[in-house]
PDB file of N, CA and C in Angstrom:
ATOM      1  N   MET A   1     -98.900  75.211   6.271  1.00  0.00           N
ATOM      2  CA  MET A   1     -98.030  74.591   7.252  1.00  0.00           C
ATOM      3  C   MET A   1     -97.970  75.499   8.487  1.00  0.00           C
ATOM      4  N   TRP A   2     -97.297  75.076   9.507  1.00  0.00           N
ATOM      5  CA  TRP A   2     -97.253  75.814  10.750  1.00  0.00           C
ATOM      6  C   TRP A   2     -95.832  76.311  10.987  1.00  0.00           C
ATOM      7  N   GLN A   3     -95.700  77.250  11.871  1.00  0.00           N
ATOM      8  CA  GLN A   3     -94.403  77.846  12.165  1.00  0.00           C
ATOM      9  C   GLN A   3     -93.672  77.040  13.231  1.00  0.00           C
ATOM     10  N   VAL A   4     -92.350  77.022  13.115  1.00  0.00           N
ATOM     11  CA  VAL A   4     -91.495  76.364  14.096  1.00  0.00           C
ATOM     12  C   VAL A   4     -90.676  77.454  14.770  1.00  0.00           C
ATOM     13  N   ASN A   5     -90.507  77.359  16.087  1.00  0.00           N
ATOM     14  CA  ASN A   5     -89.808  78.399  16.836  1.00  0.00           C
ATOM     15  C   ASN A   5     -88.315  78.426  16.598  1.00  0.00           C
ATOM     16  N   SER A   6     -87.706  77.299  16.342  1.00  0.00           N
ATOM     17  CA  SER A   6     -86.261  77.228  16.188  1.00  0.00           C
ATOM     18  C   SER A   6     -85.923  76.614  14.843  1.00  0.00           C
ATOM     19  N   MET A   7     -84.820  77.045  14.271  1.00  0.00           N
ATOM     20  CA  MET A   7     -84.370  76.486  12.995  1.00  0.00           C
ATOM     21  C   MET A   7     -83.979  75.017  13.136  1.00  0.00           C
ATOM     22  N   ASP A   8     -83.732  74.560  14.343  1.00  0.00           N
ATOM     23  CA  ASP A   8     -83.288  73.191  14.569  1.00  0.00           C
ATOM     24  C   ASP A   8     -84.424  72.235  14.895  1.00  0.00           C
ATOM     25  N   ASN A   9     -85.636  72.685  14.875  1.00  0.00           N
ATOM     26  CA  ASN A   9     -86.770  71.831  15.222  1.00  0.00           C
ATOM     27  C   ASN A   9     -87.721  71.719  14.050  1.00  0.00           C
ATOM     28  N   PHE A  10     -88.179  70.495  13.816  1.00  0.00           N
ATOM     29  CA  PHE A  10     -89.117  70.225  12.736  1.00  0.00           C
ATOM     30  C   PHE A  10     -90.300  69.455  13.314  1.00  0.00           C
ATOM     31  N   LYS A  11     -91.408  69.442  12.573  1.00  0.00           N
ATOM     32  CA  LYS A  11     -92.588  68.694  13.009  1.00  0.00           C
ATOM     33  C   LYS A  11     -93.167  67.914  11.847  1.00  0.00           C
ATOM     34  N   VAL A  12     -93.682  66.739  12.181  1.00  0.00           N
ATOM     35  CA  VAL A  12     -94.497  65.961  11.258  1.00  0.00           C
ATOM     36  C   VAL A  12     -95.873  65.863  11.909  1.00  0.00           C
ATOM     37  N   LYS A  13     -96.880  66.242  11.158  1.00  0.00           N
ATOM     38  CA  LYS A  13     -98.258  66.130  11.635  1.00  0.00           C
ATOM     39  C   LYS A  13     -98.894  64.957  10.909  1.00  0.00           C
ATOM     40  N   ILE A  14     -99.530  64.065  11.673  1.00  0.00           N
ATOM     41  CA  ILE A  14    -100.241  62.920  11.101  1.00  0.00           C
ATOM     42  C   ILE A  14    -101.730  63.210  11.184  1.00  0.00           C
ATOM     43  N   VAL A  15    -102.387  63.216  10.036  1.00  0.00           N
ATOM     44  CA  VAL A  15    -103.822  63.445   9.986  1.00  0.00           C
ATOM     45  C   VAL A  15    -104.523  62.136   9.634  1.00  0.00           C
ATOM     46  N   PRO A  16    -105.736  61.924  10.016  1.00  0.00           N
ATOM     47  CA  PRO A  16    -106.647  62.848  10.681  1.00  0.00           C
ATOM     48  C   PRO A  16    -106.534  62.850  12.198  1.00  0.00           C
ATOM     49  N   SER A  17    -105.609  62.094  12.762  1.00  0.00           N
ATOM     50  CA  SER A  17    -105.504  61.992  14.216  1.00  0.00           C
ATOM     51  C   SER A  17    -104.870  63.216  14.869  1.00  0.00           C
ATOM     52  N   ASN A  18    -104.304  64.127  14.074  1.00  0.00           N
ATOM     53  CA  ASN A  18    -103.654  65.335  14.583  1.00  0.00           C
ATOM     54  C   ASN A  18    -102.569  65.031  15.610  1.00  0.00           C
ATOM     55  N   ILE A  19    -101.767  64.025  15.320  1.00  0.00           N
ATOM     56  CA  ILE A  19    -100.597  63.707  16.136  1.00  0.00           C
ATOM     57  C   ILE A  19     -99.431  64.519  15.586  1.00  0.00           C
ATOM     58  N   TYR A  20     -98.695  65.187  16.470  1.00  0.00           N
ATOM     59  CA  TYR A  20     -97.541  65.983  16.078  1.00  0.00           C
ATOM     60  C   TYR A  20     -96.277  65.317  16.599  1.00  0.00           C
ATOM     61  N   LEU A  21     -95.334  65.098  15.712  1.00  0.00           N
ATOM     62  CA  LEU A  21     -94.053  64.510  16.078  1.00  0.00           C
ATOM     63  C   LEU A  21     -92.974  65.570  15.895  1.00  0.00           C
ATOM     64  N   LYS A  22     -92.185  65.816  16.935  1.00  0.00           N
ATOM     65  CA  LYS A  22     -91.106  66.791  16.836  1.00  0.00           C
ATOM     66  C   LYS A  22     -89.782  66.054  16.690  1.00  0.00           C
ATOM     67  N   PHE A  23     -88.896  66.617  15.883  1.00  0.00           N
ATOM     68  CA  PHE A  23     -87.562  66.041  15.742  1.00  0.00           C
ATOM     69  C   PHE A  23     -86.579  67.164  15.475  1.00  0.00           C
ATOM     70  N   CYS A  24     -85.313  66.925  15.804  1.00  0.00           N
ATOM     71  CA  CYS A  24     -84.314  67.993  15.789  1.00  0.00           C
ATOM     72  C   CYS A  24     -83.381  67.980  14.587  1.00  0.00           C
ATOM     73  N   LYS A  25     -83.298  66.870  13.874  1.00  0.00           N
ATOM     74  CA  LYS A  25     -82.383  66.847  12.735  1.00  0.00           C
ATOM     75  C   LYS A  25     -83.070  66.201  11.546  1.00  0.00           C
ATOM     76  N   GLU A  26     -82.582  66.551  10.378  1.00  0.00           N
ATOM     77  CA  GLU A  26     -83.126  65.969   9.163  1.00  0.00           C
ATOM     78  C   GLU A  26     -82.991  64.457   9.229  1.00  0.00           C
ATOM     79  N   SER A  27     -84.059  63.746   8.886  1.00  0.00           N
ATOM     80  CA  SER A  27     -84.083  62.294   9.002  1.00  0.00           C
ATOM     81  C   SER A  27     -85.032  61.704   7.969  1.00  0.00           C
ATOM     82  N   TYR A  28     -84.922  60.402   7.790  1.00  0.00           N
ATOM     83  CA  TYR A  28     -85.906  59.702   6.971  1.00  0.00           C
ATOM     84  C   TYR A  28     -87.203  59.607   7.756  1.00  0.00           C
ATOM     85  N   LEU A  29     -88.317  59.752   7.065  1.00  0.00           N
ATOM     86  CA  LEU A  29     -89.622  59.757   7.718  1.00  0.00           C
ATOM     87  C   LEU A  29     -89.866  58.470   8.487  1.00  0.00           C
ATOM     88  N   LEU A  30     -89.494  57.331   7.944  1.00  0.00           N
ATOM     89  CA  LEU A  30     -89.699  56.064   8.658  1.00  0.00           C
ATOM     90  C   LEU A  30     -88.982  56.085  10.003  1.00  0.00           C
ATOM     91  N   ASP A  31     -87.767  56.602  10.050  1.00  0.00           N
ATOM     92  CA  ASP A  31     -87.026  56.687  11.312  1.00  0.00           C
ATOM     93  C   ASP A  31     -87.734  57.592  12.310  1.00  0.00           C
ATOM     94  N   ILE A  32     -88.260  58.705  11.828  1.00  0.00           N
ATOM     95  CA  ILE A  32     -88.992  59.625  12.705  1.00  0.00           C
ATOM     96  C   ILE A  32     -90.211  58.925  13.290  1.00  0.00           C
ATOM     97  N   LEU A  33     -90.968  58.243  12.447  1.00  0.00           N
ATOM     98  CA  LEU A  33     -92.162  57.533  12.914  1.00  0.00           C
ATOM     99  C   LEU A  33     -91.796  56.462  13.938  1.00  0.00           C
ATOM    100  N   GLN A  34     -90.767  55.683  13.651  1.00  0.00           N
ATOM    101  CA  GLN A  34     -90.360  54.623  14.571  1.00  0.00           C
ATOM    102  C   GLN A  34     -89.843  55.194  15.895  1.00  0.00           C
ATOM    103  N   ASN A  35     -89.090  56.282  15.827  1.00  0.00           N
ATOM    104  CA  ASN A  35     -88.568  56.902  17.051  1.00  0.00           C
ATOM    105  C   ASN A  35     -89.680  57.419  17.953  1.00  0.00           C
ATOM    106  N   HIS A  36     -90.838  57.706  17.371  1.00  0.00           N
ATOM    107  CA  HIS A  36     -91.983  58.180  18.138  1.00  0.00           C
ATOM    108  C   HIS A  36     -93.011  57.075  18.386  1.00  0.00           C
ATOM    109  N   LYS A  37     -92.608  55.839  18.121  1.00  0.00           N
ATOM    110  CA  LYS A  37     -93.462  54.664  18.389  1.00  0.00           C
ATOM    111  C   LYS A  37     -94.759  54.676  17.575  1.00  0.00           C
ATOM    112  N   ILE A  38     -94.710  55.257  16.363  1.00  0.00           N
ATOM    113  CA  ILE A  38     -95.858  55.239  15.464  1.00  0.00           C
ATOM    114  C   ILE A  38     -95.731  53.986  14.597  1.00  0.00           C
ATOM    115  N   GLU A  39     -96.742  53.137  14.658  1.00  0.00           N
ATOM    116  CA  GLU A  39     -96.688  51.885  13.908  1.00  0.00           C
ATOM    117  C   GLU A  39     -96.971  52.132  12.429  1.00  0.00           C
ATOM    118  N   ILE A  40     -96.079  51.611  11.604  1.00  0.00           N
ATOM    119  CA  ILE A  40     -96.240  51.666  10.158  1.00  0.00           C
ATOM    120  C   ILE A  40     -95.548  50.429   9.596  1.00  0.00           C
ATOM    121  N   SER A  41     -96.190  49.773   8.671  1.00  0.00           N
ATOM    122  CA  SER A  41     -95.604  48.571   8.078  1.00  0.00           C
ATOM    123  C   SER A  41     -94.325  48.930   7.342  1.00  0.00           C
ATOM    124  N   HIS A  42     -93.363  48.036   7.403  1.00  0.00           N
ATOM    125  CA  HIS A  42     -92.105  48.195   6.659  1.00  0.00           C
ATOM    126  C   HIS A  42     -91.437  46.826   6.570  1.00  0.00           C
ATOM    127  N   SER A  43     -92.097  45.916   5.865  1.00  0.00           N
ATOM    128  CA  SER A  43     -91.684  44.521   5.853  1.00  0.00           C
ATOM    129  C   SER A  43     -90.319  44.281   5.226  1.00  0.00           C
ATOM    130  N   CYS A  44     -89.792  45.212   4.421  1.00  0.00           N
ATOM    131  CA  CYS A  44     -88.465  45.025   3.827  1.00  0.00           C
ATOM    132  C   CYS A  44     -87.373  45.638   4.697  1.00  0.00           C
ATOM    133  N   GLY A  45     -87.746  46.168   5.867  1.00  0.00           N
ATOM    134  CA  GLY A  45     -86.752  46.745   6.762  1.00  0.00           C
ATOM    135  C   GLY A  45     -86.262  48.113   6.329  1.00  0.00           C
ATOM    136  N   GLY A  46     -87.056  48.815   5.554  1.00  0.00           N
ATOM    137  CA  GLY A  46     -86.688  50.165   5.145  1.00  0.00           C
ATOM    138  C   GLY A  46     -85.810  50.241   3.914  1.00  0.00           C
ATOM    139  N   MET A  47     -85.820  49.195   3.114  1.00  0.00           N
ATOM    140  CA  MET A  47     -84.983  49.164   1.907  1.00  0.00           C
ATOM    141  C   MET A  47     -85.709  49.704   0.670  1.00  0.00           C
ATOM    142  N   GLY A  48     -86.998  49.990   0.787  1.00  0.00           N
ATOM    143  CA  GLY A  48     -87.761  50.564  -0.322  1.00  0.00           C
ATOM    144  C   GLY A  48     -88.221  49.556  -1.351  1.00  0.00           C
ATOM    145  N   THR A  49     -88.243  48.291  -0.983  1.00  0.00           N
ATOM    146  CA  THR A  49     -88.602  47.255  -1.951  1.00  0.00           C
ATOM    147  C   THR A  49     -89.998  46.668  -1.761  1.00  0.00           C
ATOM    148  N   CYS A  50     -90.663  46.970  -0.644  1.00  0.00           N
ATOM    149  CA  CYS A  50     -91.971  46.357  -0.409  1.00  0.00           C
ATOM    150  C   CYS A  50     -93.133  47.321  -0.622  1.00  0.00           C
ATOM    151  N   GLY A  51     -92.920  48.597  -0.402  1.00  0.00           N
ATOM    152  CA  GLY A  51     -93.982  49.584  -0.570  1.00  0.00           C
ATOM    153  C   GLY A  51     -94.958  49.670   0.585  1.00  0.00           C
ATOM    154  N   THR A  52     -94.732  48.931   1.669  1.00  0.00           N
ATOM    155  CA  THR A  52     -95.705  48.910   2.768  1.00  0.00           C
ATOM    156  C   THR A  52     -95.625  50.139   3.672  1.00  0.00           C
ATOM    157  N   CYS A  53     -94.575  50.929   3.562  1.00  0.00           N
ATOM    158  CA  CYS A  53     -94.447  52.124   4.408  1.00  0.00           C
ATOM    159  C   CYS A  53     -94.942  53.371   3.686  1.00  0.00           C
ATOM    160  N   ARG A  54     -95.760  53.184   2.686  1.00  0.00           N
ATOM    161  CA  ARG A  54     -96.294  54.294   1.880  1.00  0.00           C
ATOM    162  C   ARG A  54     -97.114  55.242   2.743  1.00  0.00           C
ATOM    163  N   VAL A  55     -96.921  56.529   2.523  1.00  0.00           N
ATOM    164  CA  VAL A  55     -97.704  57.573   3.186  1.00  0.00           C
ATOM    165  C   VAL A  55     -98.249  58.504   2.112  1.00  0.00           C
ATOM    166  N   ILE A  56     -99.273  59.249   2.489  1.00  0.00           N
ATOM    167  CA  ILE A  56     -99.847  60.267   1.610  1.00  0.00           C
ATOM    168  C   ILE A  56     -99.448  61.626   2.187  1.00  0.00           C
ATOM    169  N   VAL A  57     -98.714  62.393   1.418  1.00  0.00           N
ATOM    170  CA  VAL A  57     -98.274  63.711   1.872  1.00  0.00           C
ATOM    171  C   VAL A  57     -99.428  64.692   1.682  1.00  0.00           C
ATOM    172  N   GLN A  58     -99.797  65.376   2.756  1.00  0.00           N
ATOM    173  CA  GLN A  58    -100.908  66.318   2.745  1.00  0.00           C
ATOM    174  C   GLN A  58    -100.427  67.759   2.598  1.00  0.00           C
ATOM    175  N   SER A  59     -99.152  67.999   2.848  1.00  0.00           N
ATOM    176  CA  SER A  59     -98.608  69.351   2.734  1.00  0.00           C
ATOM    177  C   SER A  59     -98.060  69.571   1.335  1.00  0.00           C
ATOM    178  N   GLU A  60     -97.320  70.604   1.131  1.00  0.00           N
ATOM    179  CA  GLU A  60     -96.850  71.014  -0.183  1.00  0.00           C
ATOM    180  C   GLU A  60     -95.875  70.012  -0.800  1.00  0.00           C
ATOM    181  N   VAL A  61     -96.384  69.191  -1.692  1.00  0.00           N
ATOM    182  CA  VAL A  61     -95.602  68.119  -2.321  1.00  0.00           C
ATOM    183  C   VAL A  61     -94.425  68.680  -3.106  1.00  0.00           C
ATOM    184  N   GLU A  62     -94.614  69.826  -3.725  1.00  0.00           N
ATOM    185  CA  GLU A  62     -93.552  70.399  -4.548  1.00  0.00           C
ATOM    186  C   GLU A  62     -92.317  70.802  -3.748  1.00  0.00           C
ATOM    187  N   LYS A  63     -92.436  70.915  -2.425  1.00  0.00           N
ATOM    188  CA  LYS A  63     -91.295  71.256  -1.576  1.00  0.00           C
ATOM    189  C   LYS A  63     -90.485  70.028  -1.152  1.00  0.00           C
ATOM    190  N   LEU A  64     -91.006  68.833  -1.428  1.00  0.00           N
ATOM    191  CA  LEU A  64     -90.309  67.613  -1.029  1.00  0.00           C
ATOM    192  C   LEU A  64     -89.102  67.367  -1.921  1.00  0.00           C
ATOM    193  N   PRO A  65     -88.101  66.670  -1.371  1.00  0.00           N
ATOM    194  CA  PRO A  65     -86.987  66.297  -2.239  1.00  0.00           C
ATOM    195  C   PRO A  65     -87.488  65.316  -3.297  1.00  0.00           C
ATOM    196  N   PRO A  66     -86.850  65.294  -4.463  1.00  0.00           N
ATOM    197  CA  PRO A  66     -87.288  64.352  -5.493  1.00  0.00           C
ATOM    198  C   PRO A  66     -87.098  62.911  -5.040  1.00  0.00           C
ATOM    199  N   ARG A  67     -87.861  62.014  -5.640  1.00  0.00           N
ATOM    200  CA  ARG A  67     -87.706  60.592  -5.324  1.00  0.00           C
ATOM    201  C   ARG A  67     -86.315  60.128  -5.739  1.00  0.00           C
ATOM    202  N   ASN A  68     -85.706  59.293  -4.894  1.00  0.00           N
ATOM    203  CA  ASN A  68     -84.433  58.690  -5.294  1.00  0.00           C
ATOM    204  C   ASN A  68     -84.734  57.537  -6.256  1.00  0.00           C
ATOM    205  N   GLU A  69     -83.722  56.886  -6.747  1.00  0.00           N
ATOM    206  CA  GLU A  69     -83.890  55.830  -7.756  1.00  0.00           C
ATOM    207  C   GLU A  69     -84.760  54.683  -7.248  1.00  0.00           C
ATOM    208  N   VAL A  70     -84.547  54.273  -6.014  1.00  0.00           N
ATOM    209  CA  VAL A  70     -85.322  53.162  -5.433  1.00  0.00           C
ATOM    210  C   VAL A  70     -86.799  53.527  -5.352  1.00  0.00           C
ATOM    211  N   GLU A  71     -87.084  54.711  -4.816  1.00  0.00           N
ATOM    212  CA  GLU A  71     -88.475  55.132  -4.667  1.00  0.00           C
ATOM    213  C   GLU A  71     -89.123  55.390  -6.021  1.00  0.00           C
ATOM    214  N   GLN A  72     -88.369  55.944  -6.958  1.00  0.00           N
ATOM    215  CA  GLN A  72     -88.915  56.214  -8.288  1.00  0.00           C
ATOM    216  C   GLN A  72     -89.340  54.917  -8.973  1.00  0.00           C
ATOM    217  N   GLU A  73     -88.525  53.884  -8.850  1.00  0.00           N
ATOM    218  CA  GLU A  73     -88.860  52.592  -9.452  1.00  0.00           C
ATOM    219  C   GLU A  73     -90.142  52.028  -8.849  1.00  0.00           C
ATOM    220  N   MET A  74     -90.274  52.116  -7.529  1.00  0.00           N
ATOM    221  CA  MET A  74     -91.473  51.630  -6.847  1.00  0.00           C
ATOM    222  C   MET A  74     -92.688  52.453  -7.268  1.00  0.00           C
ATOM    223  N   ALA A  75     -92.533  53.770  -7.357  1.00  0.00           N
ATOM    224  CA  ALA A  75     -93.636  54.653  -7.719  1.00  0.00           C
ATOM    225  C   ALA A  75     -94.152  54.348  -9.123  1.00  0.00           C
ATOM    226  N   VAL A  76     -93.248  54.109 -10.045  1.00  0.00           N
ATOM    227  CA  VAL A  76     -93.651  53.781 -11.421  1.00  0.00           C
ATOM    228  C   VAL A  76     -94.324  52.417 -11.449  1.00  0.00           C
ATOM    229  N   ASP A  77     -93.717  51.448 -10.769  1.00  0.00           N
ATOM    230  CA  ASP A  77     -94.243  50.082 -10.750  1.00  0.00           C
ATOM    231  C   ASP A  77     -95.648  50.019 -10.150  1.00  0.00           C
ATOM    232  N   ARG A  78     -95.878  50.783  -9.095  1.00  0.00           N
ATOM    233  CA  ARG A  78     -97.161  50.740  -8.385  1.00  0.00           C
ATOM    234  C   ARG A  78     -98.124  51.851  -8.803  1.00  0.00           C
ATOM    235  N   GLY A  79     -97.696  52.737  -9.672  1.00  0.00           N
ATOM    236  CA  GLY A  79     -98.571  53.814 -10.121  1.00  0.00           C
ATOM    237  C   GLY A  79     -98.874  54.848  -9.054  1.00  0.00           C
ATOM    238  N   PHE A  80     -97.887  55.193  -8.232  1.00  0.00           N
ATOM    239  CA  PHE A  80     -98.085  56.177  -7.167  1.00  0.00           C
ATOM    240  C   PHE A  80     -98.381  57.552  -7.754  1.00  0.00           C
ATOM    241  N   SER A  81     -99.250  58.290  -7.072  1.00  0.00           N
ATOM    242  CA  SER A  81     -99.461  59.700  -7.403  1.00  0.00           C
ATOM    243  C   SER A  81     -98.295  60.492  -6.803  1.00  0.00           C
ATOM    244  N   ALA A  82     -98.219  61.774  -7.116  1.00  0.00           N
ATOM    245  CA  ALA A  82     -97.145  62.628  -6.594  1.00  0.00           C
ATOM    246  C   ALA A  82     -97.181  62.709  -5.071  1.00  0.00           C
ATOM    247  N   GLU A  83     -98.368  62.560  -4.475  1.00  0.00           N
ATOM    248  CA  GLU A  83     -98.527  62.658  -3.023  1.00  0.00           C
ATOM    249  C   GLU A  83     -98.134  61.382  -2.290  1.00  0.00           C
ATOM    250  N   GLU A  84     -98.034  60.265  -2.995  1.00  0.00           N
ATOM    251  CA  GLU A  84     -97.690  58.992  -2.360  1.00  0.00           C
ATOM    252  C   GLU A  84     -96.175  58.842  -2.322  1.00  0.00           C
ATOM    253  N   ARG A  85     -95.650  58.663  -1.115  1.00  0.00           N
ATOM    254  CA  ARG A  85     -94.211  58.530  -0.944  1.00  0.00           C
ATOM    255  C   ARG A  85     -93.910  57.366  -0.008  1.00  0.00           C
ATOM    256  N   LEU A  86     -92.732  56.810  -0.148  1.00  0.00           N
ATOM    257  CA  LEU A  86     -92.265  55.764   0.769  1.00  0.00           C
ATOM    258  C   LEU A  86     -91.585  56.443   1.946  1.00  0.00           C
ATOM    259  N   SER A  87     -92.065  56.162   3.148  1.00  0.00           N
ATOM    260  CA  SER A  87     -91.500  56.836   4.316  1.00  0.00           C
ATOM    261  C   SER A  87     -90.035  56.453   4.541  1.00  0.00           C
ATOM    262  N   CYS A  88     -89.635  55.269   4.094  1.00  0.00           N
ATOM    263  CA  CYS A  88     -88.246  54.844   4.283  1.00  0.00           C
ATOM    264  C   CYS A  88     -87.285  55.560   3.344  1.00  0.00           C
ATOM    265  N   GLN A  89     -87.799  56.157   2.288  1.00  0.00           N
ATOM    266  CA  GLN A  89     -86.962  56.828   1.299  1.00  0.00           C
ATOM    267  C   GLN A  89     -87.127  58.348   1.317  1.00  0.00           C
ATOM    268  N   LEU A  90     -88.109  58.845   2.059  1.00  0.00           N
ATOM    269  CA  LEU A  90     -88.393  60.283   2.098  1.00  0.00           C
ATOM    270  C   LEU A  90     -87.577  60.946   3.198  1.00  0.00           C
ATOM    271  N   TYR A  91     -86.604  61.746   2.791  1.00  0.00           N
ATOM    272  CA  TYR A  91     -85.742  62.471   3.720  1.00  0.00           C
ATOM    273  C   TYR A  91     -86.416  63.792   4.064  1.00  0.00           C
ATOM    274  N   VAL A  92     -86.755  63.973   5.343  1.00  0.00           N
ATOM    275  CA  VAL A  92     -87.522  65.122   5.791  1.00  0.00           C
ATOM    276  C   VAL A  92     -86.572  66.228   6.242  1.00  0.00           C
ATOM    277  N   LYS A  93     -86.725  67.402   5.608  1.00  0.00           N
ATOM    278  CA  LYS A  93     -85.881  68.549   5.912  1.00  0.00           C
ATOM    279  C   LYS A  93     -86.676  69.743   6.435  1.00  0.00           C
ATOM    280  N   GLU A  94     -87.982  69.589   6.490  1.00  0.00           N
ATOM    281  CA  GLU A  94     -88.845  70.683   6.961  1.00  0.00           C
ATOM    282  C   GLU A  94     -90.154  70.089   7.454  1.00  0.00           C
ATOM    283  N   ASP A  95     -91.027  70.933   7.981  1.00  0.00           N
ATOM    284  CA  ASP A  95     -92.314  70.467   8.481  1.00  0.00           C
ATOM    285  C   ASP A  95     -93.064  69.726   7.390  1.00  0.00           C
ATOM    286  N   LEU A  96     -93.840  68.743   7.827  1.00  0.00           N
ATOM    287  CA  LEU A  96     -94.519  67.869   6.889  1.00  0.00           C
ATOM    288  C   LEU A  96     -95.844  67.429   7.495  1.00  0.00           C
ATOM    289  N   GLU A  97     -96.856  67.291   6.667  1.00  0.00           N
ATOM    290  CA  GLU A  97     -98.145  66.761   7.095  1.00  0.00           C
ATOM    291  C   GLU A  97     -98.445  65.525   6.250  1.00  0.00           C
ATOM    292  N   ILE A  98     -98.737  64.404   6.925  1.00  0.00           N
ATOM    293  CA  ILE A  98     -98.945  63.141   6.226  1.00  0.00           C
ATOM    294  C   ILE A  98    -100.196  62.426   6.718  1.00  0.00           C
ATOM    295  N   LYS A  99    -100.617  61.476   5.913  1.00  0.00           N
ATOM    296  CA  LYS A  99    -101.666  60.531   6.285  1.00  0.00           C
ATOM    297  C   LYS A  99    -101.096  59.146   6.057  1.00  0.00           C
ATOM    298  N   ILE A 100    -101.276  58.252   7.024  1.00  0.00           N
ATOM    299  CA  ILE A 100    -100.837  56.868   6.889  1.00  0.00           C
ATOM    300  C   ILE A 100    -102.055  56.052   6.459  1.00  0.00           C
ATOM    301  N   PRO A 101    -102.034  55.511   5.224  1.00  0.00           N
ATOM    302  CA  PRO A 101    -103.223  54.780   4.747  1.00  0.00           C
ATOM    303  C   PRO A 101    -103.468  53.497   5.540  1.00  0.00           C
TER     304      PRO A 101
END
């Protein structure tokens, strides 16, 4: 991962396009993407029921918060790997590198 100059600033890197999104407070990944005008499907409106906002985490998966109940149910139902997360349910608290399938 990369270093951040201030404790109040975080970054999400989208690969392979190498787009960097900066944000100042902990937020759900879907909100961060939308605030930066990054298009990602989310047909259920961010409720975690459609699975269309799935991302592949490229950075340290073990540092992510655990899946909440909604995301865990979707992950089991769809057979997600540990790297596959729902952006609407993933609360980002530190730098993150993702791929949007």
